[in-house]
Amino acid sequence: MVLITSLYFPEYAEKRVMDENSISERWQRAVDEAFSVRYNVPSRSIPTRLDFTAQAYYRGISEVLSEWITPLFSLRNSLAHGQWVVAFNETRSAANNDKTKKLKDLSLWHLRLLKNMLGHLERLIYDLTVTRYAFERDFDKHWTGLDAARRRIENGKPAEWEKLLRTRHRRGKWHREMNISREARERGAKAT
């Protein structure tokens, strides 16, 4: 919403984005409209009339939206509707086993990496929409970060990350206990 209501996003494009039915369709429409404005190509001709490099940018962003972001929105909606254990289909008439499995596989580790990935995607779309030169200049940097998060999710080792968190917690707890006992000794020494 911040991007499409900015001064850099035309009002007619904002209206077309808001006319879409789902949040996923709105994100894709926003990307279409941003490419249309940036490369001066009618939105109905996106991506076919974009040059090769712009088409590659477009396809990369669209792939991330369809393969990662749309399923994330779907999981978020299930959770928001109280489907914490069993997810249902869109009409809520039957259980959706695929979505239920994804809900069960979801962990803090996955959510942190998805948040990282979303941050890189947001910066890409912001640069596409708002900046004059940064999109092309910084695309590879943002894409590398996005792709690294995606690869960590696919090849992930959440157990190692959880072990690291437990180790840090124990170490922090030990340091706090040591600091408390040292402060108590120092207070006792001052009192005498």
C-alpha atoms as a PDB file:
ATOM      1  CA  MET A   1       0.000   0.000   0.000  1.00  0.00           C
ATOM      2  CA  VAL A   2       2.858   2.364   0.777  1.00  0.00           C
ATOM      3  CA  LEU A   3       4.340   1.876  -2.676  1.00  0.00           C
ATOM      4  CA  ILE A   4       1.169   2.179  -4.700  1.00  0.00           C
ATOM      5  CA  THR A   5      -0.011   5.285  -2.831  1.00  0.00           C
ATOM      6  CA  SER A   6       3.319   7.073  -3.262  1.00  0.00           C
ATOM      7  CA  LEU A   7       3.703  10.071  -5.531  1.00  0.00           C
ATOM      8  CA  TYR A   8       5.730   7.924  -7.922  1.00  0.00           C
ATOM      9  CA  PHE A   9       2.946   5.452  -8.610  1.00  0.00           C
ATOM     10  CA  PRO A  10       0.273   6.840 -10.975  1.00  0.00           C
ATOM     11  CA  GLU A  11      -3.262   7.069  -9.636  1.00  0.00           C
ATOM     12  CA  TYR A  12      -4.725   5.092 -12.566  1.00  0.00           C
ATOM     13  CA  ALA A  13      -2.248   2.267 -11.806  1.00  0.00           C
ATOM     14  CA  GLU A  14      -3.186   2.349  -8.111  1.00  0.00           C
ATOM     15  CA  LYS A  15      -6.842   1.941  -9.060  1.00  0.00           C
ATOM     16  CA  ARG A  16      -6.060  -1.089 -11.248  1.00  0.00           C
ATOM     17  CA  VAL A  17      -4.093  -2.656  -8.406  1.00  0.00           C
ATOM     18  CA  MET A  18      -6.940  -2.116  -5.947  1.00  0.00           C
ATOM     19  CA  ASP A  19      -9.461  -3.585  -8.411  1.00  0.00           C
ATOM     20  CA  GLU A  20      -7.785  -6.995  -8.123  1.00  0.00           C
ATOM     21  CA  ASN A  21      -9.549  -9.580  -5.964  1.00  0.00           C
ATOM     22  CA  SER A  22      -6.778 -11.097  -3.871  1.00  0.00           C
ATOM     23  CA  ILE A  23      -3.642  -9.799  -2.205  1.00  0.00           C
ATOM     24  CA  SER A  24      -1.531 -12.018  -4.489  1.00  0.00           C
ATOM     25  CA  GLU A  25      -3.165 -10.563  -7.586  1.00  0.00           C
ATOM     26  CA  ARG A  26      -2.634  -7.062  -6.196  1.00  0.00           C
ATOM     27  CA  TRP A  27       1.086  -7.679  -5.700  1.00  0.00           C
ATOM     28  CA  GLN A  28       1.422  -9.011  -9.247  1.00  0.00           C
ATOM     29  CA  ARG A  29      -0.590  -6.119 -10.665  1.00  0.00           C
ATOM     30  CA  ALA A  30       1.591  -3.655  -8.740  1.00  0.00           C
ATOM     31  CA  VAL A  31       4.690  -5.234 -10.277  1.00  0.00           C
ATOM     32  CA  ASP A  32       3.096  -5.113 -13.756  1.00  0.00           C
ATOM     33  CA  GLU A  33       2.163  -1.456 -13.330  1.00  0.00           C
ATOM     34  CA  ALA A  34       5.588  -0.534 -11.951  1.00  0.00           C
ATOM     35  CA  PHE A  35       7.342  -2.158 -14.927  1.00  0.00           C
ATOM     36  CA  SER A  36       4.886  -0.413 -17.246  1.00  0.00           C
ATOM     37  CA  VAL A  37       5.697   3.004 -15.782  1.00  0.00           C
ATOM     38  CA  ARG A  38       9.440   2.425 -15.482  1.00  0.00           C
ATOM     39  CA  TYR A  39       9.952   1.118 -19.022  1.00  0.00           C
ATOM     40  CA  ASN A  40       7.181   3.157 -20.671  1.00  0.00           C
ATOM     41  CA  VAL A  41       5.320   0.093 -21.952  1.00  0.00           C
ATOM     42  CA  PRO A  42       1.527  -0.352 -21.724  1.00  0.00           C
ATOM     43  CA  SER A  43       0.661  -2.633 -18.791  1.00  0.00           C
ATOM     44  CA  ARG A  44      -1.256  -5.006 -21.064  1.00  0.00           C
ATOM     45  CA  SER A  45       2.020  -5.567 -22.976  1.00  0.00           C
ATOM     46  CA  ILE A  46       4.041  -6.552 -19.913  1.00  0.00           C
ATOM     47  CA  PRO A  47       6.308  -8.559 -20.155  1.00  0.00           C
ATOM     48  CA  THR A  48       6.352  -9.194 -23.914  1.00  0.00           C
ATOM     49  CA  ARG A  49       7.358  -5.658 -24.947  1.00  0.00           C
ATOM     50  CA  LEU A  50      10.066  -5.287 -22.324  1.00  0.00           C
ATOM     51  CA  ASP A  51      13.665  -5.646 -23.450  1.00  0.00           C
ATOM     52  CA  PHE A  52      15.491  -8.867 -22.578  1.00  0.00           C
ATOM     53  CA  THR A  53      17.050  -7.604 -19.347  1.00  0.00           C
ATOM     54  CA  ALA A  54      13.816  -6.055 -18.090  1.00  0.00           C
ATOM     55  CA  GLN A  55      11.974  -9.293 -18.930  1.00  0.00           C
ATOM     56  CA  ALA A  56      14.517 -11.219 -16.859  1.00  0.00           C
ATOM     57  CA  TYR A  57      13.946  -8.839 -13.924  1.00  0.00           C
ATOM     58  CA  TYR A  58      10.195  -9.183 -14.342  1.00  0.00           C
ATOM     59  CA  ARG A  59      10.208 -12.978 -14.563  1.00  0.00           C
ATOM     60  CA  GLY A  60      12.440 -13.284 -11.507  1.00  0.00           C
ATOM     61  CA  ILE A  61      10.212 -11.078  -9.378  1.00  0.00           C
ATOM     62  CA  SER A  62       7.025 -12.742 -10.671  1.00  0.00           C
ATOM     63  CA  GLU A  63       8.447 -16.196  -9.951  1.00  0.00           C
ATOM     64  CA  VAL A  64       9.187 -15.225  -6.346  1.00  0.00           C
ATOM     65  CA  LEU A  65       5.663 -13.842  -6.003  1.00  0.00           C
ATOM     66  CA  SER A  66       3.978 -16.963  -7.370  1.00  0.00           C
ATOM     67  CA  GLU A  67       6.209 -19.632  -5.817  1.00  0.00           C
ATOM     68  CA  TRP A  68       6.943 -18.107  -2.402  1.00  0.00           C
ATOM     69  CA  ILE A  69       4.795 -15.116  -1.559  1.00  0.00           C
ATOM     70  CA  THR A  70       1.389 -16.391  -2.700  1.00  0.00           C
ATOM     71  CA  PRO A  71       1.712 -19.618  -0.648  1.00  0.00           C
ATOM     72  CA  LEU A  72       2.857 -17.523   2.315  1.00  0.00           C
ATOM     73  CA  PHE A  73      -0.275 -15.349   2.026  1.00  0.00           C
ATOM     74  CA  SER A  74      -2.374 -18.504   1.914  1.00  0.00           C
ATOM     75  CA  LEU A  75      -0.756 -19.859   5.096  1.00  0.00           C
ATOM     76  CA  ARG A  76      -1.129 -16.490   6.789  1.00  0.00           C
ATOM     77  CA  ASN A  77      -4.836 -16.452   5.938  1.00  0.00           C
ATOM     78  CA  SER A  78      -5.301 -19.937   7.362  1.00  0.00           C
ATOM     79  CA  LEU A  79      -3.673 -18.880  10.620  1.00  0.00           C
ATOM     80  CA  ALA A  80      -5.667 -15.645  10.714  1.00  0.00           C
ATOM     81  CA  HIS A  81      -8.885 -17.669  10.413  1.00  0.00           C
ATOM     82  CA  GLY A  82      -7.973 -19.884  13.345  1.00  0.00           C
ATOM     83  CA  GLN A  83      -6.794 -22.866  11.309  1.00  0.00           C
ATOM     84  CA  TRP A  84      -3.784 -23.575  13.516  1.00  0.00           C
ATOM     85  CA  VAL A  85      -3.895 -27.369  13.432  1.00  0.00           C
ATOM     86  CA  VAL A  86      -5.909 -28.253  10.334  1.00  0.00           C
ATOM     87  CA  ALA A  87      -6.174 -25.961   7.312  1.00  0.00           C
ATOM     88  CA  PHE A  88      -9.296 -25.948   5.182  1.00  0.00           C
ATOM     89  CA  ASN A  89      -9.944 -25.285   1.518  1.00  0.00           C
ATOM     90  CA  GLU A  90     -11.096 -21.839   0.374  1.00  0.00           C
ATOM     91  CA  THR A  91     -14.794 -22.620   0.957  1.00  0.00           C
ATOM     92  CA  ARG A  92     -13.995 -24.226   4.342  1.00  0.00           C
ATOM     93  CA  SER A  93     -15.940 -27.343   3.345  1.00  0.00           C
ATOM     94  CA  ALA A  94     -13.043 -29.812   3.655  1.00  0.00           C
ATOM     95  CA  ALA A  95      -9.551 -30.107   5.062  1.00  0.00           C
ATOM     96  CA  ASN A  96      -6.680 -29.091   2.803  1.00  0.00           C
ATOM     97  CA  ASN A  97      -4.002 -31.701   3.481  1.00  0.00           C
ATOM     98  CA  ASP A  98      -1.229 -29.911   1.544  1.00  0.00           C
ATOM     99  CA  LYS A  99      -1.759 -26.681   3.430  1.00  0.00           C
ATOM    100  CA  THR A 100      -2.043 -28.549   6.739  1.00  0.00           C
ATOM    101  CA  LYS A 101       1.346 -30.186   6.096  1.00  0.00           C
ATOM    102  CA  LYS A 102       2.860 -26.766   5.307  1.00  0.00           C
ATOM    103  CA  LEU A 103       1.428 -25.366   8.528  1.00  0.00           C
ATOM    104  CA  LYS A 104       2.973 -28.222  10.514  1.00  0.00           C
ATOM    105  CA  ASP A 105       6.340 -27.706   8.798  1.00  0.00           C
ATOM    106  CA  LEU A 106       6.322 -23.973   9.506  1.00  0.00           C
ATOM    107  CA  SER A 107       8.819 -22.934  12.162  1.00  0.00           C
ATOM    108  CA  LEU A 108      10.359 -19.784  13.550  1.00  0.00           C
ATOM    109  CA  TRP A 109      13.407 -20.540  11.417  1.00  0.00           C
ATOM    110  CA  HIS A 110      11.276 -20.610   8.240  1.00  0.00           C
ATOM    111  CA  LEU A 111       9.439 -17.438   9.237  1.00  0.00           C
ATOM    112  CA  ARG A 112      12.683 -15.537   9.862  1.00  0.00           C
ATOM    113  CA  LEU A 113      14.077 -16.562   6.462  1.00  0.00           C
ATOM    114  CA  LEU A 114      10.786 -15.716   4.749  1.00  0.00           C
ATOM    115  CA  LYS A 115      10.854 -12.311   6.461  1.00  0.00           C
ATOM    116  CA  ASN A 116      14.407 -11.820   5.173  1.00  0.00           C
ATOM    117  CA  MET A 117      13.286 -12.827   1.683  1.00  0.00           C
ATOM    118  CA  LEU A 118      10.308 -10.460   1.859  1.00  0.00           C
ATOM    119  CA  GLY A 119      12.630  -7.627   2.890  1.00  0.00           C
ATOM    120  CA  HIS A 120      14.784  -8.113  -0.199  1.00  0.00           C
ATOM    121  CA  LEU A 121      11.696  -8.372  -2.418  1.00  0.00           C
ATOM    122  CA  GLU A 122      10.256  -5.210  -0.872  1.00  0.00           C
ATOM    123  CA  ARG A 123      13.504  -3.325  -1.584  1.00  0.00           C
ATOM    124  CA  LEU A 124      13.469  -4.571  -5.187  1.00  0.00           C
ATOM    125  CA  ILE A 125       9.893  -3.426  -5.713  1.00  0.00           C
ATOM    126  CA  TYR A 126      10.551  -0.132  -3.924  1.00  0.00           C
ATOM    127  CA  ASP A 127      13.531   0.554  -6.187  1.00  0.00           C
ATOM    128  CA  LEU A 128      11.470  -0.446  -9.229  1.00  0.00           C
ATOM    129  CA  THR A 129       8.650   1.882  -8.253  1.00  0.00           C
ATOM    130  CA  VAL A 130      10.310   4.893  -6.641  1.00  0.00           C
ATOM    131  CA  THR A 131      13.940   5.289  -7.647  1.00  0.00           C
ATOM    132  CA  ARG A 132      15.402   6.487 -10.869  1.00  0.00           C
ATOM    133  CA  TYR A 133      18.642   4.478 -11.051  1.00  0.00           C
ATOM    134  CA  ALA A 134      18.778   2.187  -8.028  1.00  0.00           C
ATOM    135  CA  PHE A 135      16.634  -0.616  -9.462  1.00  0.00           C
ATOM    136  CA  GLU A 136      19.052  -1.621 -12.207  1.00  0.00           C
ATOM    137  CA  ARG A 137      22.109  -0.655 -10.148  1.00  0.00           C
ATOM    138  CA  ASP A 138      21.142  -2.619  -7.017  1.00  0.00           C
ATOM    139  CA  PHE A 139      19.089  -5.441  -8.523  1.00  0.00           C
ATOM    140  CA  ASP A 140      21.871  -8.038  -8.306  1.00  0.00           C
ATOM    141  CA  LYS A 141      22.635  -7.156  -4.686  1.00  0.00           C
ATOM    142  CA  HIS A 142      18.988  -7.504  -3.610  1.00  0.00           C
ATOM    143  CA  TRP A 143      18.476 -10.590  -5.762  1.00  0.00           C
ATOM    144  CA  THR A 144      21.537 -12.264  -4.235  1.00  0.00           C
ATOM    145  CA  GLY A 145      20.156 -11.709  -0.735  1.00  0.00           C
ATOM    146  CA  LEU A 146      16.696 -12.906  -1.741  1.00  0.00           C
ATOM    147  CA  ASP A 147      18.094 -15.983  -3.451  1.00  0.00           C
ATOM    148  CA  ALA A 148      20.343 -16.785  -0.468  1.00  0.00           C
ATOM    149  CA  ALA A 149      17.299 -16.754   1.842  1.00  0.00           C
ATOM    150  CA  ARG A 150      15.405 -18.947  -0.601  1.00  0.00           C
ATOM    151  CA  ARG A 151      18.282 -21.452  -0.803  1.00  0.00           C
ATOM    152  CA  ARG A 152      18.609 -21.547   3.004  1.00  0.00           C
ATOM    153  CA  ILE A 153      14.922 -22.432   3.229  1.00  0.00           C
ATOM    154  CA  GLU A 154      15.202 -25.138   0.558  1.00  0.00           C
ATOM    155  CA  ASN A 155      18.434 -26.663   1.871  1.00  0.00           C
ATOM    156  CA  GLY A 156      17.741 -25.642   5.411  1.00  0.00           C
ATOM    157  CA  LYS A 157      19.078 -26.910   8.606  1.00  0.00           C
ATOM    158  CA  PRO A 158      16.585 -25.663  11.178  1.00  0.00           C
ATOM    159  CA  ALA A 159      17.838 -28.152  13.780  1.00  0.00           C
ATOM    160  CA  GLU A 160      21.310 -26.572  13.684  1.00  0.00           C
ATOM    161  CA  TRP A 161      19.785 -23.093  14.062  1.00  0.00           C
ATOM    162  CA  GLU A 162      17.647 -24.249  17.005  1.00  0.00           C
ATOM    163  CA  LYS A 163      20.734 -25.813  18.624  1.00  0.00           C
ATOM    164  CA  LEU A 164      22.582 -22.509  18.203  1.00  0.00           C
ATOM    165  CA  LEU A 165      19.675 -20.641  19.852  1.00  0.00           C
ATOM    166  CA  ARG A 166      19.696 -23.060  22.812  1.00  0.00           C
ATOM    167  CA  THR A 167      23.465 -22.656  23.192  1.00  0.00           C
ATOM    168  CA  ARG A 168      23.164 -18.868  23.127  1.00  0.00           C
ATOM    169  CA  HIS A 169      20.356 -19.007  25.675  1.00  0.00           C
ATOM    170  CA  ARG A 170      22.385 -21.157  28.078  1.00  0.00           C
ATOM    171  CA  ARG A 171      25.441 -18.924  27.638  1.00  0.00           C
ATOM    172  CA  GLY A 172      23.362 -15.793  28.245  1.00  0.00           C
ATOM    173  CA  LYS A 173      21.770 -17.342  31.315  1.00  0.00           C
ATOM    174  CA  TRP A 174      25.212 -18.259  32.688  1.00  0.00           C
ATOM    175  CA  HIS A 175      26.484 -14.689  32.073  1.00  0.00           C
ATOM    176  CA  ARG A 176      23.452 -13.195  33.833  1.00  0.00           C
ATOM    177  CA  GLU A 177      23.949 -15.470  36.834  1.00  0.00           C
ATOM    178  CA  MET A 178      27.643 -14.586  36.992  1.00  0.00           C
ATOM    179  CA  ASN A 179      26.854 -10.851  36.806  1.00  0.00           C
ATOM    180  CA  ILE A 180      24.208 -11.117  39.524  1.00  0.00           C
ATOM    181  CA  SER A 181      26.523 -13.006  41.885  1.00  0.00           C
ATOM    182  CA  ARG A 182      29.376 -10.554  41.196  1.00  0.00           C
ATOM    183  CA  GLU A 183      27.069  -7.582  41.886  1.00  0.00           C
ATOM    184  CA  ALA A 184      25.935  -9.255  45.124  1.00  0.00           C
ATOM    185  CA  ARG A 185      29.553  -9.760  46.218  1.00  0.00           C
ATOM    186  CA  GLU A 186      30.357  -6.131  45.389  1.00  0.00           C
ATOM    187  CA  ARG A 187      27.326  -4.899  47.370  1.00  0.00           C
ATOM    188  CA  GLY A 188      28.340  -7.107  50.292  1.00  0.00           C
ATOM    189  CA  ALA A 189      31.881  -5.740  50.190  1.00  0.00           C
ATOM    190  CA  LYS A 190      30.609  -2.135  50.210  1.00  0.00           C
ATOM    191  CA  ALA A 191      28.252  -2.858  53.117  1.00  0.00           C
ATOM    192  CA  THR A 192      31.096  -4.069  55.340  1.00  0.00           C
END
